[in-house]
Amino acid sequence: MSPGSYTAAHLIPPHSLTRLARQWLEEDTPNFDPAGVCVGSQEVEAWLLCKTPGSVLAGSPFFSAVFAELGCTVDWIHQEGAQIGPEAITVTAVVKGPARCLLLGERPALNCLARASGIATRCSQLQAMRKAAAWHGELAGTRKTTPGFRLVEKYAMLVGGVSMHRQDLSGMVMLKDNHIWASGSITQAVEAARSMCGFSSKIEVECQSLHEAREAAGAGADIVMLDNLQPQDLHIAAQAFKEEFPALLVEASGGVTPENLALYCSAHVDIISLGCITQGCPVVDFSLKIQKPAVQCRI
């Protein structure tokens, strides 16, 4: 199997899809559904419409899982990771099932798809900027995710072609300024973390200067984050650090946006992480429209 044929959806355990779908449905309809009385359980067909041309479709496994819980089926016209458009409105999928069940799942499923597709679209745009800058490093998301929705948002980053960075605090060790201040020094923080996590976890240290980065490297860090440096200062510090520690990874973070990303791209920077991938990211406009049954003429 070639790398290009890997499918991000295969990362998601089926039981996680089921658990999330049930949680979202329970949140949206904790008891009765009075509006469901109006439509009953007649079989209907609804079209999923994308109204944001040029968007990247992401979140289809979660969308389908919501409707599977309600006995509905989803047939996708566009596949995960596809760019939708350029038409103003594009039929993206067809959902079939009992009317009241389809409407029960409508909002939770659309919320998920809109958010995930928005993140994937931004990631795709950032990747295009990276290529235009001829930078060969890796773009990454952060833990600045919506509580309870991280799995979806991290997954959407992968669909959009961006690294998830660490999934959560239990993954790679990142020692930030508060860890260092509470420990007493970078060296003490790294030594304490390494004594617990052993060889199996990488340790990254948030550094405010080249001096701190050197201390982190000397203490045994695997990655140094040059945080909140202006682009010109970042390039100077990253080059000096790489000359001394060529095997260690350098990450740049803090204040990076789609507008200024190119300024941070440097041959001496391996990773650029951006909180704007999830914070303040526009959603993609989707709607679900039940189709009226065709009128049969009698002859």
C-alpha atoms as a PDB file:
ATOM      1  CA  MET A   1       0.000   0.000   0.000  1.00  0.00           C
ATOM      2  CA  SER A   2       1.448   3.362  -1.006  1.00  0.00           C
ATOM      3  CA  PRO A   3       1.427   6.327   1.448  1.00  0.00           C
ATOM      4  CA  GLY A   4      -1.044   8.170  -0.777  1.00  0.00           C
ATOM      5  CA  SER A   5      -3.588   5.373  -0.367  1.00  0.00           C
ATOM      6  CA  TYR A   6      -3.719   5.536   3.424  1.00  0.00           C
ATOM      7  CA  THR A   7      -7.142   6.494   4.782  1.00  0.00           C
ATOM      8  CA  ALA A   8      -7.375   8.712   7.861  1.00  0.00           C
ATOM      9  CA  ALA A   9     -10.803   7.245   8.680  1.00  0.00           C
ATOM     10  CA  HIS A  10      -9.135   3.910   9.457  1.00  0.00           C
ATOM     11  CA  LEU A  11      -7.570   5.548  12.519  1.00  0.00           C
ATOM     12  CA  ILE A  12     -10.955   5.879  14.205  1.00  0.00           C
ATOM     13  CA  PRO A  13     -12.049   2.841  16.270  1.00  0.00           C
ATOM     14  CA  PRO A  14     -15.689   1.965  15.461  1.00  0.00           C
ATOM     15  CA  HIS A  15     -16.625   2.037  19.145  1.00  0.00           C
ATOM     16  CA  SER A  16     -15.397   5.644  19.359  1.00  0.00           C
ATOM     17  CA  LEU A  17     -17.685   6.625  16.492  1.00  0.00           C
ATOM     18  CA  THR A  18     -20.622   4.942  18.210  1.00  0.00           C
ATOM     19  CA  ARG A  19     -19.839   6.533  21.581  1.00  0.00           C
ATOM     20  CA  LEU A  20     -19.538  10.055  20.153  1.00  0.00           C
ATOM     21  CA  ALA A  21     -22.659   9.730  18.013  1.00  0.00           C
ATOM     22  CA  ARG A  22     -24.700   8.621  21.021  1.00  0.00           C
ATOM     23  CA  GLN A  23     -23.339  11.466  23.157  1.00  0.00           C
ATOM     24  CA  TRP A  24     -24.199  14.084  20.545  1.00  0.00           C
ATOM     25  CA  LEU A  25     -27.704  12.719  20.068  1.00  0.00           C
ATOM     26  CA  GLU A  26     -28.280  12.536  23.823  1.00  0.00           C
ATOM     27  CA  GLU A  27     -27.113  16.128  24.223  1.00  0.00           C
ATOM     28  CA  ASP A  28     -29.436  17.391  21.487  1.00  0.00           C
ATOM     29  CA  THR A  29     -32.509  15.322  22.439  1.00  0.00           C
ATOM     30  CA  PRO A  30     -32.294  14.385  26.148  1.00  0.00           C
ATOM     31  CA  ASN A  31     -35.991  13.422  26.388  1.00  0.00           C
ATOM     32  CA  PHE A  32     -39.022  13.938  24.090  1.00  0.00           C
ATOM     33  CA  ASP A  33     -38.982  15.085  20.459  1.00  0.00           C
ATOM     34  CA  PRO A  34     -42.311  16.902  20.030  1.00  0.00           C
ATOM     35  CA  ALA A  35     -41.521  18.009  16.471  1.00  0.00           C
ATOM     36  CA  GLY A  36     -41.098  14.370  15.471  1.00  0.00           C
ATOM     37  CA  VAL A  37     -44.861  13.925  15.818  1.00  0.00           C
ATOM     38  CA  CYS A  38     -45.353  16.233  12.828  1.00  0.00           C
ATOM     39  CA  VAL A  39     -43.458  14.035  10.405  1.00  0.00           C
ATOM     40  CA  GLY A  40     -43.797  10.501  11.729  1.00  0.00           C
ATOM     41  CA  SER A  41     -41.750   7.562  10.452  1.00  0.00           C
ATOM     42  CA  GLN A  42     -42.420   7.741   6.742  1.00  0.00           C
ATOM     43  CA  GLU A  43     -39.364   6.960   4.615  1.00  0.00           C
ATOM     44  CA  VAL A  44     -37.810  10.083   3.128  1.00  0.00           C
ATOM     45  CA  GLU A  45     -34.730  11.117   1.206  1.00  0.00           C
ATOM     46  CA  ALA A  46     -32.644  14.198   2.023  1.00  0.00           C
ATOM     47  CA  TRP A  47     -29.826  15.810   0.095  1.00  0.00           C
ATOM     48  CA  LEU A  48     -26.729  17.065   1.881  1.00  0.00           C
ATOM     49  CA  LEU A  49     -25.859  20.390   0.265  1.00  0.00           C
ATOM     50  CA  CYS A  50     -22.473  22.105   0.512  1.00  0.00           C
ATOM     51  CA  LYS A  51     -22.816  25.856   0.072  1.00  0.00           C
ATOM     52  CA  THR A  52     -19.154  26.862   0.507  1.00  0.00           C
ATOM     53  CA  PRO A  53     -17.359  26.247  -2.818  1.00  0.00           C
ATOM     54  CA  GLY A  54     -13.755  25.127  -2.672  1.00  0.00           C
ATOM     55  CA  SER A  55     -14.130  23.416   0.703  1.00  0.00           C
ATOM     56  CA  VAL A  56     -12.432  20.175   1.704  1.00  0.00           C
ATOM     57  CA  LEU A  57     -14.883  17.523   2.895  1.00  0.00           C
ATOM     58  CA  ALA A  58     -14.009  16.078   6.309  1.00  0.00           C
ATOM     59  CA  GLY A  59     -15.971  14.346   9.047  1.00  0.00           C
ATOM     60  CA  SER A  60     -17.998  11.928   6.936  1.00  0.00           C
ATOM     61  CA  PRO A  61     -17.355   8.948   9.305  1.00  0.00           C
ATOM     62  CA  PHE A  62     -18.867  10.932  12.193  1.00  0.00           C
ATOM     63  CA  PHE A  63     -21.770  12.186  10.066  1.00  0.00           C
ATOM     64  CA  SER A  64     -22.566   8.637   8.950  1.00  0.00           C
ATOM     65  CA  ALA A  65     -22.241   7.303  12.516  1.00  0.00           C
ATOM     66  CA  VAL A  66     -24.910   9.702  13.776  1.00  0.00           C
ATOM     67  CA  PHE A  67     -27.398   8.506  11.186  1.00  0.00           C
ATOM     68  CA  ALA A  68     -26.461   4.851  11.631  1.00  0.00           C
ATOM     69  CA  GLU A  69     -27.541   5.165  15.265  1.00  0.00           C
ATOM     70  CA  LEU A  70     -30.963   6.299  14.012  1.00  0.00           C
ATOM     71  CA  GLY A  71     -31.476   3.598  11.385  1.00  0.00           C
ATOM     72  CA  CYS A  72     -30.696   5.901   8.448  1.00  0.00           C
ATOM     73  CA  THR A  73     -28.272   5.343   5.567  1.00  0.00           C
ATOM     74  CA  VAL A  74     -25.847   7.786   3.957  1.00  0.00           C
ATOM     75  CA  ASP A  75     -24.625   7.468   0.360  1.00  0.00           C
ATOM     76  CA  TRP A  76     -21.675   9.771  -0.310  1.00  0.00           C
ATOM     77  CA  ILE A  77     -21.333  11.414  -3.706  1.00  0.00           C
ATOM     78  CA  HIS A  78     -18.066  13.105  -2.720  1.00  0.00           C
ATOM     79  CA  GLN A  79     -15.465  11.225  -0.734  1.00  0.00           C
ATOM     80  CA  GLU A  80     -13.545  12.256   2.366  1.00  0.00           C
ATOM     81  CA  GLY A  81     -10.750  14.714   1.557  1.00  0.00           C
ATOM     82  CA  ALA A  82     -12.286  15.805  -1.747  1.00  0.00           C
ATOM     83  CA  GLN A  83     -12.499  19.471  -2.663  1.00  0.00           C
ATOM     84  CA  ILE A  84     -16.122  20.426  -3.280  1.00  0.00           C
ATOM     85  CA  GLY A  85     -17.175  22.915  -5.910  1.00  0.00           C
ATOM     86  CA  PRO A  86     -16.844  25.157  -7.822  1.00  0.00           C
ATOM     87  CA  GLU A  87     -20.652  25.303  -7.975  1.00  0.00           C
ATOM     88  CA  ALA A  88     -22.379  27.562  -5.440  1.00  0.00           C
ATOM     89  CA  ILE A  89     -24.356  24.566  -4.150  1.00  0.00           C
ATOM     90  CA  THR A  90     -23.137  20.980  -4.476  1.00  0.00           C
ATOM     91  CA  VAL A  91     -25.053  17.820  -3.581  1.00  0.00           C
ATOM     92  CA  THR A  92     -22.539  15.973  -1.419  1.00  0.00           C
ATOM     93  CA  ALA A  93     -24.479  12.974  -0.070  1.00  0.00           C
ATOM     94  CA  VAL A  94     -27.955  11.448   0.096  1.00  0.00           C
ATOM     95  CA  VAL A  95     -29.464  10.436   3.439  1.00  0.00           C
ATOM     96  CA  LYS A  96     -32.423   8.046   3.623  1.00  0.00           C
ATOM     97  CA  GLY A  97     -34.528   6.869   6.540  1.00  0.00           C
ATOM     98  CA  PRO A  98     -37.599   7.506   8.706  1.00  0.00           C
ATOM     99  CA  ALA A  99     -38.427  11.221   8.642  1.00  0.00           C
ATOM    100  CA  ARG A 100     -38.396  11.768  12.408  1.00  0.00           C
ATOM    101  CA  CYS A 101     -35.104   9.883  12.778  1.00  0.00           C
ATOM    102  CA  LEU A 102     -33.470  11.765   9.938  1.00  0.00           C
ATOM    103  CA  LEU A 103     -34.451  15.071  11.549  1.00  0.00           C
ATOM    104  CA  LEU A 104     -33.202  13.890  14.950  1.00  0.00           C
ATOM    105  CA  GLY A 105     -29.745  13.434  13.476  1.00  0.00           C
ATOM    106  CA  GLU A 106     -29.729  16.498  11.240  1.00  0.00           C
ATOM    107  CA  ARG A 107     -28.208  19.109  13.557  1.00  0.00           C
ATOM    108  CA  PRO A 108     -25.616  16.967  15.403  1.00  0.00           C
ATOM    109  CA  ALA A 109     -24.401  15.510  12.100  1.00  0.00           C
ATOM    110  CA  LEU A 110     -24.245  18.900  10.352  1.00  0.00           C
ATOM    111  CA  ASN A 111     -22.453  20.524  13.278  1.00  0.00           C
ATOM    112  CA  CYS A 112     -19.762  17.873  13.114  1.00  0.00           C
ATOM    113  CA  LEU A 113     -19.353  18.003   9.346  1.00  0.00           C
ATOM    114  CA  ALA A 114     -19.277  21.809   9.217  1.00  0.00           C
ATOM    115  CA  ARG A 115     -16.595  22.058  11.894  1.00  0.00           C
ATOM    116  CA  ALA A 116     -14.426  19.227  10.593  1.00  0.00           C
ATOM    117  CA  SER A 117     -14.616  20.449   6.998  1.00  0.00           C
ATOM    118  CA  GLY A 118     -13.745  23.979   8.082  1.00  0.00           C
ATOM    119  CA  ILE A 119     -10.591  22.753   9.818  1.00  0.00           C
ATOM    120  CA  ALA A 120      -9.598  20.502   6.902  1.00  0.00           C
ATOM    121  CA  THR A 121     -10.116  23.379   4.485  1.00  0.00           C
ATOM    122  CA  ARG A 122      -7.896  25.700   6.517  1.00  0.00           C
ATOM    123  CA  CYS A 123      -5.236  22.989   6.771  1.00  0.00           C
ATOM    124  CA  SER A 124      -5.312  22.482   3.017  1.00  0.00           C
ATOM    125  CA  GLN A 125      -4.909  26.219   2.481  1.00  0.00           C
ATOM    126  CA  LEU A 126      -1.966  26.329   4.893  1.00  0.00           C
ATOM    127  CA  GLN A 127      -0.317  23.450   3.077  1.00  0.00           C
ATOM    128  CA  ALA A 128      -0.642  25.352  -0.202  1.00  0.00           C
ATOM    129  CA  MET A 129       1.094  28.321   1.457  1.00  0.00           C
ATOM    130  CA  ARG A 130       3.857  26.043   2.726  1.00  0.00           C
ATOM    131  CA  LYS A 131       4.480  24.710  -0.761  1.00  0.00           C
ATOM    132  CA  ALA A 132       4.425  28.205  -2.254  1.00  0.00           C
ATOM    133  CA  ALA A 133       7.135  29.215   0.228  1.00  0.00           C
ATOM    134  CA  ALA A 134       9.175  26.153  -0.838  1.00  0.00           C
ATOM    135  CA  TRP A 135       9.462  25.131   2.812  1.00  0.00           C
ATOM    136  CA  HIS A 136       9.920  21.427   3.486  1.00  0.00           C
ATOM    137  CA  GLY A 137       9.027  21.356   7.177  1.00  0.00           C
ATOM    138  CA  GLU A 138       5.856  20.118   8.815  1.00  0.00           C
ATOM    139  CA  LEU A 139       2.787  22.128   9.811  1.00  0.00           C
ATOM    140  CA  ALA A 140       1.059  21.028  13.016  1.00  0.00           C
ATOM    141  CA  GLY A 141      -2.063  21.713  15.046  1.00  0.00           C
ATOM    142  CA  THR A 142      -2.190  22.251  18.799  1.00  0.00           C
ATOM    143  CA  ARG A 143      -4.265  21.195  21.823  1.00  0.00           C
ATOM    144  CA  LYS A 144      -6.364  24.352  21.452  1.00  0.00           C
ATOM    145  CA  THR A 145      -9.390  22.248  20.618  1.00  0.00           C
ATOM    146  CA  THR A 146     -13.061  22.319  21.604  1.00  0.00           C
ATOM    147  CA  PRO A 147     -13.630  20.318  24.833  1.00  0.00           C
ATOM    148  CA  GLY A 148     -15.264  16.996  24.003  1.00  0.00           C
ATOM    149  CA  PHE A 149     -14.622  17.432  20.286  1.00  0.00           C
ATOM    150  CA  ARG A 150     -10.870  16.851  20.064  1.00  0.00           C
ATOM    151  CA  LEU A 151     -11.028  13.526  18.233  1.00  0.00           C
ATOM    152  CA  VAL A 152     -13.021  15.126  15.416  1.00  0.00           C
ATOM    153  CA  GLU A 153     -10.800  18.188  15.188  1.00  0.00           C
ATOM    154  CA  LYS A 154      -7.527  16.260  15.292  1.00  0.00           C
ATOM    155  CA  TYR A 155      -8.889  13.888  12.647  1.00  0.00           C
ATOM    156  CA  ALA A 156      -9.861  16.851  10.451  1.00  0.00           C
ATOM    157  CA  MET A 157      -6.263  18.100  10.601  1.00  0.00           C
ATOM    158  CA  LEU A 158      -5.093  14.800   9.112  1.00  0.00           C
ATOM    159  CA  VAL A 159      -7.673  14.968   6.332  1.00  0.00           C
ATOM    160  CA  GLY A 160      -6.430  18.481   5.534  1.00  0.00           C
ATOM    161  CA  GLY A 161      -2.826  17.273   5.386  1.00  0.00           C
ATOM    162  CA  VAL A 162      -1.506  18.745   8.645  1.00  0.00           C
ATOM    163  CA  SER A 163       0.119  16.934  11.575  1.00  0.00           C
ATOM    164  CA  MET A 164      -1.963  16.541  14.742  1.00  0.00           C
ATOM    165  CA  HIS A 165       1.121  17.275  16.900  1.00  0.00           C
ATOM    166  CA  ARG A 166       0.400  15.519  20.214  1.00  0.00           C
ATOM    167  CA  GLN A 167      -3.072  14.130  20.737  1.00  0.00           C
ATOM    168  CA  ASP A 168      -3.229  14.912  24.463  1.00  0.00           C
ATOM    169  CA  LEU A 169      -1.155  15.324  27.626  1.00  0.00           C
ATOM    170  CA  SER A 170      -0.600  11.575  27.812  1.00  0.00           C
ATOM    171  CA  GLY A 171       1.316  11.607  24.543  1.00  0.00           C
ATOM    172  CA  MET A 172       4.597  13.382  23.930  1.00  0.00           C
ATOM    173  CA  VAL A 173       5.917  15.338  26.925  1.00  0.00           C
ATOM    174  CA  MET A 174       5.844  19.085  26.436  1.00  0.00           C
ATOM    175  CA  LEU A 175       7.412  21.189  29.172  1.00  0.00           C
ATOM    176  CA  LYS A 176       6.012  24.693  29.019  1.00  0.00           C
ATOM    177  CA  ASP A 177       6.992  27.822  30.937  1.00  0.00           C
ATOM    178  CA  ASN A 178       4.775  26.940  33.928  1.00  0.00           C
ATOM    179  CA  HIS A 179       6.354  23.491  34.229  1.00  0.00           C
ATOM    180  CA  ILE A 180       9.808  25.045  34.176  1.00  0.00           C
ATOM    181  CA  TRP A 181       8.998  27.762  36.689  1.00  0.00           C
ATOM    182  CA  ALA A 182       7.386  25.238  39.030  1.00  0.00           C
ATOM    183  CA  SER A 183      10.333  22.831  38.678  1.00  0.00           C
ATOM    184  CA  GLY A 184      13.020  25.442  39.170  1.00  0.00           C
ATOM    185  CA  SER A 185      14.837  25.146  35.847  1.00  0.00           C
ATOM    186  CA  ILE A 186      14.702  23.602  32.394  1.00  0.00           C
ATOM    187  CA  THR A 187      17.307  21.035  33.378  1.00  0.00           C
ATOM    188  CA  GLN A 188      15.389  19.919  36.454  1.00  0.00           C
ATOM    189  CA  ALA A 189      12.109  19.706  34.511  1.00  0.00           C
ATOM    190  CA  VAL A 190      13.643  17.595  31.724  1.00  0.00           C
ATOM    191  CA  GLU A 191      15.391  15.256  34.158  1.00  0.00           C
ATOM    192  CA  ALA A 192      12.195  14.723  36.167  1.00  0.00           C
ATOM    193  CA  ALA A 193      10.128  14.040  33.051  1.00  0.00           C
ATOM    194  CA  ARG A 194      12.701  11.640  31.612  1.00  0.00           C
ATOM    195  CA  SER A 195      12.868   9.671  34.867  1.00  0.00           C
ATOM    196  CA  MET A 196       9.164   8.906  34.516  1.00  0.00           C
ATOM    197  CA  CYS A 197       8.537   8.561  30.770  1.00  0.00           C
ATOM    198  CA  GLY A 198      11.719   6.633  29.936  1.00  0.00           C
ATOM    199  CA  PHE A 199      12.841   6.054  26.362  1.00  0.00           C
ATOM    200  CA  SER A 200       9.399   5.686  24.787  1.00  0.00           C
ATOM    201  CA  SER A 201       8.309   9.349  24.840  1.00  0.00           C
ATOM    202  CA  LYS A 202       9.893  12.359  23.241  1.00  0.00           C
ATOM    203  CA  ILE A 203      10.373  15.451  25.374  1.00  0.00           C
ATOM    204  CA  GLU A 204       9.795  18.922  23.963  1.00  0.00           C
ATOM    205  CA  VAL A 205      10.694  22.104  25.832  1.00  0.00           C
ATOM    206  CA  GLU A 206       9.139  25.524  25.255  1.00  0.00           C
ATOM    207  CA  CYS A 207      11.982  28.049  25.055  1.00  0.00           C
ATOM    208  CA  GLN A 208      11.910  31.824  24.946  1.00  0.00           C
ATOM    209  CA  SER A 209      15.496  32.275  23.744  1.00  0.00           C
ATOM    210  CA  LEU A 210      18.500  30.564  22.189  1.00  0.00           C
ATOM    211  CA  HIS A 211      20.033  30.335  25.664  1.00  0.00           C
ATOM    212  CA  GLU A 212      17.049  28.336  26.958  1.00  0.00           C
ATOM    213  CA  ALA A 213      17.095  26.129  23.853  1.00  0.00           C
ATOM    214  CA  ARG A 214      20.742  25.265  24.488  1.00  0.00           C
ATOM    215  CA  GLU A 215      19.948  24.362  28.097  1.00  0.00           C
ATOM    216  CA  ALA A 216      17.062  22.138  26.963  1.00  0.00           C
ATOM    217  CA  ALA A 217      19.293  20.350  24.461  1.00  0.00           C
ATOM    218  CA  GLY A 218      21.998  19.845  27.066  1.00  0.00           C
ATOM    219  CA  ALA A 219      19.451  18.389  29.475  1.00  0.00           C
ATOM    220  CA  GLY A 220      18.353  15.770  26.938  1.00  0.00           C
ATOM    221  CA  ALA A 221      15.318  17.258  25.197  1.00  0.00           C
ATOM    222  CA  ASP A 222      14.384  15.825  21.801  1.00  0.00           C
ATOM    223  CA  ILE A 223      12.591  18.913  20.472  1.00  0.00           C
ATOM    224  CA  VAL A 224      12.888  22.590  21.306  1.00  0.00           C
ATOM    225  CA  MET A 225      10.081  25.032  20.670  1.00  0.00           C
ATOM    226  CA  LEU A 226      11.198  28.565  19.932  1.00  0.00           C
ATOM    227  CA  ASP A 227       8.105  30.294  21.228  1.00  0.00           C
ATOM    228  CA  ASN A 228       6.813  33.782  20.427  1.00  0.00           C
ATOM    229  CA  LEU A 229       9.951  34.934  18.620  1.00  0.00           C
ATOM    230  CA  GLN A 230       9.652  37.467  15.825  1.00  0.00           C
ATOM    231  CA  PRO A 231      10.442  35.908  12.425  1.00  0.00           C
ATOM    232  CA  GLN A 232      13.851  37.555  12.041  1.00  0.00           C
ATOM    233  CA  ASP A 233      14.891  36.562  15.574  1.00  0.00           C
ATOM    234  CA  LEU A 234      13.540  33.058  14.985  1.00  0.00           C
ATOM    235  CA  HIS A 235      15.673  32.530  11.886  1.00  0.00           C
ATOM    236  CA  ILE A 236      18.840  33.652  13.660  1.00  0.00           C
ATOM    237  CA  ALA A 237      18.184  31.523  16.757  1.00  0.00           C
ATOM    238  CA  ALA A 238      17.136  28.436  14.749  1.00  0.00           C
ATOM    239  CA  GLN A 239      20.241  28.576  12.542  1.00  0.00           C
ATOM    240  CA  ALA A 240      22.571  28.961  15.517  1.00  0.00           C
ATOM    241  CA  PHE A 241      20.853  26.113  17.371  1.00  0.00           C
ATOM    242  CA  LYS A 242      20.923  23.737  14.387  1.00  0.00           C
ATOM    243  CA  GLU A 243      24.645  24.371  13.899  1.00  0.00           C
ATOM    244  CA  GLU A 244      25.224  23.103  17.458  1.00  0.00           C
ATOM    245  CA  PHE A 245      22.506  20.425  17.628  1.00  0.00           C
ATOM    246  CA  PRO A 246      21.742  19.288  14.053  1.00  0.00           C
ATOM    247  CA  ALA A 247      19.938  16.109  15.169  1.00  0.00           C
ATOM    248  CA  LEU A 248      17.344  17.877  17.330  1.00  0.00           C
ATOM    249  CA  LEU A 249      14.049  19.152  15.981  1.00  0.00           C
ATOM    250  CA  VAL A 250      13.160  22.835  16.110  1.00  0.00           C
ATOM    251  CA  GLU A 251       9.542  23.929  16.334  1.00  0.00           C
ATOM    252  CA  ALA A 252       8.340  27.500  15.877  1.00  0.00           C
ATOM    253  CA  SER A 253       5.108  28.598  17.509  1.00  0.00           C
ATOM    254  CA  GLY A 254       3.301  31.645  18.796  1.00  0.00           C
ATOM    255  CA  GLY A 255       1.619  34.328  16.732  1.00  0.00           C
ATOM    256  CA  VAL A 256       1.668  32.357  13.488  1.00  0.00           C
ATOM    257  CA  THR A 257      -1.357  32.999  11.253  1.00  0.00           C
ATOM    258  CA  PRO A 258      -2.299  32.272   7.634  1.00  0.00           C
ATOM    259  CA  GLU A 259      -1.344  35.856   6.837  1.00  0.00           C
ATOM    260  CA  ASN A 260       2.227  35.649   8.165  1.00  0.00           C
ATOM    261  CA  LEU A 261       3.027  31.927   7.841  1.00  0.00           C
ATOM    262  CA  ALA A 262       5.560  32.466   5.043  1.00  0.00           C
ATOM    263  CA  LEU A 263       7.638  34.718   7.317  1.00  0.00           C
ATOM    264  CA  TYR A 264       8.250  31.809   9.722  1.00  0.00           C
ATOM    265  CA  CYS A 265       9.309  29.284   7.088  1.00  0.00           C
ATOM    266  CA  SER A 266      13.026  28.638   7.507  1.00  0.00           C
ATOM    267  CA  ALA A 267      15.443  25.940   6.434  1.00  0.00           C
ATOM    268  CA  HIS A 268      16.416  25.597  10.102  1.00  0.00           C
ATOM    269  CA  VAL A 269      12.835  25.151  11.407  1.00  0.00           C
ATOM    270  CA  ASP A 270      11.380  21.635  11.223  1.00  0.00           C
ATOM    271  CA  ILE A 271       7.858  22.262  12.540  1.00  0.00           C
ATOM    272  CA  ILE A 272       5.504  25.225  12.686  1.00  0.00           C
ATOM    273  CA  SER A 273       2.462  24.856  14.948  1.00  0.00           C
ATOM    274  CA  LEU A 274      -0.608  27.053  14.645  1.00  0.00           C
ATOM    275  CA  GLY A 275      -3.476  27.479  17.107  1.00  0.00           C
ATOM    276  CA  CYS A 276      -5.548  29.173  14.376  1.00  0.00           C
ATOM    277  CA  ILE A 277      -6.168  25.769  12.808  1.00  0.00           C
ATOM    278  CA  THR A 278      -8.901  25.253  15.400  1.00  0.00           C
ATOM    279  CA  GLN A 279      -9.380  28.645  17.066  1.00  0.00           C
ATOM    280  CA  GLY A 280     -11.388  31.101  15.004  1.00  0.00           C
ATOM    281  CA  CYS A 281     -11.535  28.747  12.034  1.00  0.00           C
ATOM    282  CA  PRO A 282     -14.524  29.349   9.694  1.00  0.00           C
ATOM    283  CA  VAL A 283     -16.950  26.458   9.283  1.00  0.00           C
ATOM    284  CA  VAL A 284     -18.201  25.098   5.983  1.00  0.00           C
ATOM    285  CA  ASP A 285     -21.867  25.787   5.265  1.00  0.00           C
ATOM    286  CA  PHE A 286     -23.836  22.543   4.883  1.00  0.00           C
ATOM    287  CA  SER A 287     -27.579  21.976   4.940  1.00  0.00           C
ATOM    288  CA  LEU A 288     -29.806  18.913   4.738  1.00  0.00           C
ATOM    289  CA  LYS A 289     -32.979  19.202   2.644  1.00  0.00           C
ATOM    290  CA  ILE A 290     -35.712  16.566   2.532  1.00  0.00           C
ATOM    291  CA  GLN A 291     -36.889  16.042  -1.024  1.00  0.00           C
ATOM    292  CA  LYS A 292     -40.577  16.155  -1.818  1.00  0.00           C
ATOM    293  CA  PRO A 293     -41.832  12.905  -3.339  1.00  0.00           C
ATOM    294  CA  ALA A 294     -42.429  13.033  -7.069  1.00  0.00           C
ATOM    295  CA  VAL A 295     -46.055  13.520  -8.043  1.00  0.00           C
ATOM    296  CA  GLN A 296     -47.366  10.640 -10.129  1.00  0.00           C
ATOM    297  CA  CYS A 297     -49.830  11.603 -12.871  1.00  0.00           C
ATOM    298  CA  ARG A 298     -52.760   9.295 -13.619  1.00  0.00           C
ATOM    299  CA  ILE A 299     -53.568   8.616 -17.230  1.00  0.00           C
END
